[in-house]
C-alpha atoms as a PDB file:
ATOM      1  CA  UNK A   1      -8.750   3.295  21.461  1.00  0.00           C
ATOM      2  CA  UNK A   2      -5.252   4.188  20.251  1.00  0.00           C
ATOM      3  CA  UNK A   3      -3.839   0.827  21.367  1.00  0.00           C
ATOM      4  CA  UNK A   4      -6.176  -1.110  19.080  1.00  0.00           C
ATOM      5  CA  UNK A   5      -5.396   1.211  16.177  1.00  0.00           C
ATOM      6  CA  UNK A   6      -1.695   0.397  16.464  1.00  0.00           C
ATOM      7  CA  UNK A   7      -2.436  -3.319  16.071  1.00  0.00           C
ATOM      8  CA  UNK A   8      -3.543  -2.753  12.479  1.00  0.00           C
ATOM      9  CA  UNK A   9      -1.091  -3.841   9.803  1.00  0.00           C
ATOM     10  CA  UNK A  10       0.960  -1.203   8.015  1.00  0.00           C
ATOM     11  CA  UNK A  11       2.844  -1.869   4.798  1.00  0.00           C
ATOM     12  CA  UNK A  12       5.062   0.162   2.508  1.00  0.00           C
ATOM     13  CA  UNK A  13       4.798   0.258  -1.273  1.00  0.00           C
ATOM     14  CA  UNK A  14       4.921   2.322  -4.461  1.00  0.00           C
ATOM     15  CA  UNK A  15       1.910   4.130  -5.932  1.00  0.00           C
ATOM     16  CA  UNK A  16       1.201   2.694  -9.393  1.00  0.00           C
ATOM     17  CA  UNK A  17      -2.080   4.500 -10.130  1.00  0.00           C
ATOM     18  CA  UNK A  18      -3.918   7.551  -8.799  1.00  0.00           C
ATOM     19  CA  UNK A  19      -6.712   7.799 -11.358  1.00  0.00           C
ATOM     20  CA  UNK A  20      -9.475   6.995  -8.871  1.00  0.00           C
ATOM     21  CA  UNK A  21     -11.335   9.739  -7.039  1.00  0.00           C
ATOM     22  CA  UNK A  22      -9.831   9.745  -3.510  1.00  0.00           C
ATOM     23  CA  UNK A  23      -8.129   6.430  -4.202  1.00  0.00           C
ATOM     24  CA  UNK A  24      -4.723   5.018  -5.143  1.00  0.00           C
ATOM     25  CA  UNK A  25      -3.304   1.656  -6.164  1.00  0.00           C
ATOM     26  CA  UNK A  26      -0.194   0.627  -4.224  1.00  0.00           C
ATOM     27  CA  UNK A  27       2.125  -2.172  -5.361  1.00  0.00           C
ATOM     28  CA  UNK A  28       3.960  -3.944  -2.537  1.00  0.00           C
ATOM     29  CA  UNK A  29       6.986  -6.026  -3.498  1.00  0.00           C
ATOM     30  CA  UNK A  30       8.534  -8.761  -1.367  1.00  0.00           C
ATOM     31  CA  UNK A  31      11.246 -11.360  -1.854  1.00  0.00           C
ATOM     32  CA  UNK A  32      10.435 -15.031  -1.295  1.00  0.00           C
ATOM     33  CA  UNK A  33      12.910 -17.882  -1.303  1.00  0.00           C
ATOM     34  CA  UNK A  34      12.038 -20.572  -3.863  1.00  0.00           C
ATOM     35  CA  UNK A  35      11.329 -23.809  -1.960  1.00  0.00           C
ATOM     36  CA  UNK A  36      13.335 -26.095  -4.260  1.00  0.00           C
ATOM     37  CA  UNK A  37      16.060 -23.969  -5.835  1.00  0.00           C
ATOM     38  CA  UNK A  38      16.701 -21.464  -3.053  1.00  0.00           C
ATOM     39  CA  UNK A  39      16.739 -18.427  -5.327  1.00  0.00           C
ATOM     40  CA  UNK A  40      14.978 -15.303  -4.055  1.00  0.00           C
ATOM     41  CA  UNK A  41      12.078 -14.393  -6.334  1.00  0.00           C
ATOM     42  CA  UNK A  42      10.276 -11.034  -6.343  1.00  0.00           C
ATOM     43  CA  UNK A  43       6.546 -11.291  -5.678  1.00  0.00           C
ATOM     44  CA  UNK A  44       4.242  -8.290  -5.848  1.00  0.00           C
ATOM     45  CA  UNK A  45       0.682  -7.579  -4.790  1.00  0.00           C
ATOM     46  CA  UNK A  46      -1.583  -4.606  -5.483  1.00  0.00           C
ATOM     47  CA  UNK A  47      -3.682  -2.913  -2.818  1.00  0.00           C
ATOM     48  CA  UNK A  48      -6.392  -0.293  -3.329  1.00  0.00           C
ATOM     49  CA  UNK A  49      -6.081   2.428  -0.691  1.00  0.00           C
ATOM     50  CA  UNK A  50      -8.110   5.486   0.309  1.00  0.00           C
ATOM     51  CA  UNK A  51      -6.394   8.861  -0.209  1.00  0.00           C
ATOM     52  CA  UNK A  52      -8.686  11.494   1.309  1.00  0.00           C
ATOM     53  CA  UNK A  53      -6.737  14.534   0.067  1.00  0.00           C
ATOM     54  CA  UNK A  54      -5.642  13.152  -3.348  1.00  0.00           C
ATOM     55  CA  UNK A  55      -2.066  13.912  -2.284  1.00  0.00           C
ATOM     56  CA  UNK A  56      -0.154  10.871  -3.591  1.00  0.00           C
ATOM     57  CA  UNK A  57       1.216  10.715  -7.134  1.00  0.00           C
ATOM     58  CA  UNK A  58       2.472   7.830  -9.275  1.00  0.00           C
ATOM     59  CA  UNK A  59       5.936   6.708  -8.149  1.00  0.00           C
ATOM     60  CA  UNK A  60       5.626   7.925  -4.549  1.00  0.00           C
ATOM     61  CA  UNK A  61       6.726   5.553  -1.786  1.00  0.00           C
ATOM     62  CA  UNK A  62       3.860   5.453   0.724  1.00  0.00           C
ATOM     63  CA  UNK A  63       2.812   3.730   3.946  1.00  0.00           C
ATOM     64  CA  UNK A  64      -0.732   2.339   4.099  1.00  0.00           C
ATOM     65  CA  UNK A  65      -2.690   0.980   7.064  1.00  0.00           C
ATOM     66  CA  UNK A  66      -5.431  -1.633   7.216  1.00  0.00           C
ATOM     67  CA  UNK A  67      -8.899  -0.241   7.936  1.00  0.00           C
ATOM     68  CA  UNK A  68     -12.580  -1.136   7.731  1.00  0.00           C
ATOM     69  CA  UNK A  69     -14.029  -1.774   4.250  1.00  0.00           C
ATOM     70  CA  UNK A  70     -14.543   1.584   2.545  1.00  0.00           C
ATOM     71  CA  UNK A  71     -15.780   0.265  -0.805  1.00  0.00           C
ATOM     72  CA  UNK A  72     -15.839  -2.922  -2.864  1.00  0.00           C
ATOM     73  CA  UNK A  73     -12.018  -3.070  -3.102  1.00  0.00           C
ATOM     74  CA  UNK A  74     -10.640  -0.507  -0.624  1.00  0.00           C
ATOM     75  CA  UNK A  75      -9.612  -1.936   2.763  1.00  0.00           C
ATOM     76  CA  UNK A  76      -6.493   0.207   3.266  1.00  0.00           C
ATOM     77  CA  UNK A  77      -5.902   3.921   3.829  1.00  0.00           C
ATOM     78  CA  UNK A  78      -2.946   6.189   3.189  1.00  0.00           C
ATOM     79  CA  UNK A  79      -0.989   7.010   6.362  1.00  0.00           C
ATOM     80  CA  UNK A  80       1.878   9.091   4.989  1.00  0.00           C
ATOM     81  CA  UNK A  81       4.078   9.671   1.967  1.00  0.00           C
ATOM     82  CA  UNK A  82       7.618   8.514   2.734  1.00  0.00           C
ATOM     83  CA  UNK A  83       9.326   9.662  -0.463  1.00  0.00           C
ATOM     84  CA  UNK A  84       8.076  11.748  -3.379  1.00  0.00           C
ATOM     85  CA  UNK A  85       8.667  10.630  -6.976  1.00  0.00           C
ATOM     86  CA  UNK A  86      11.346  12.520  -8.847  1.00  0.00           C
END
């Protein structure tokens, strides 16, 4: 059972909203090389994640893991808080 759980994707991002009940919005930023000009461009994507204990605050760096669908938008859950916001 634990082996299959480790195959799930984990990503790291910054909490941008915690206004949902037991839910957070995490923005994940990545750098992509432009195909023609070669410049690295920042791309970001928002994920809705489940936070069972309402522990994460805006600005926290968190790790989230893919999980079964929990609601209309939530397919990720909070694993741990890497760094607290100052």
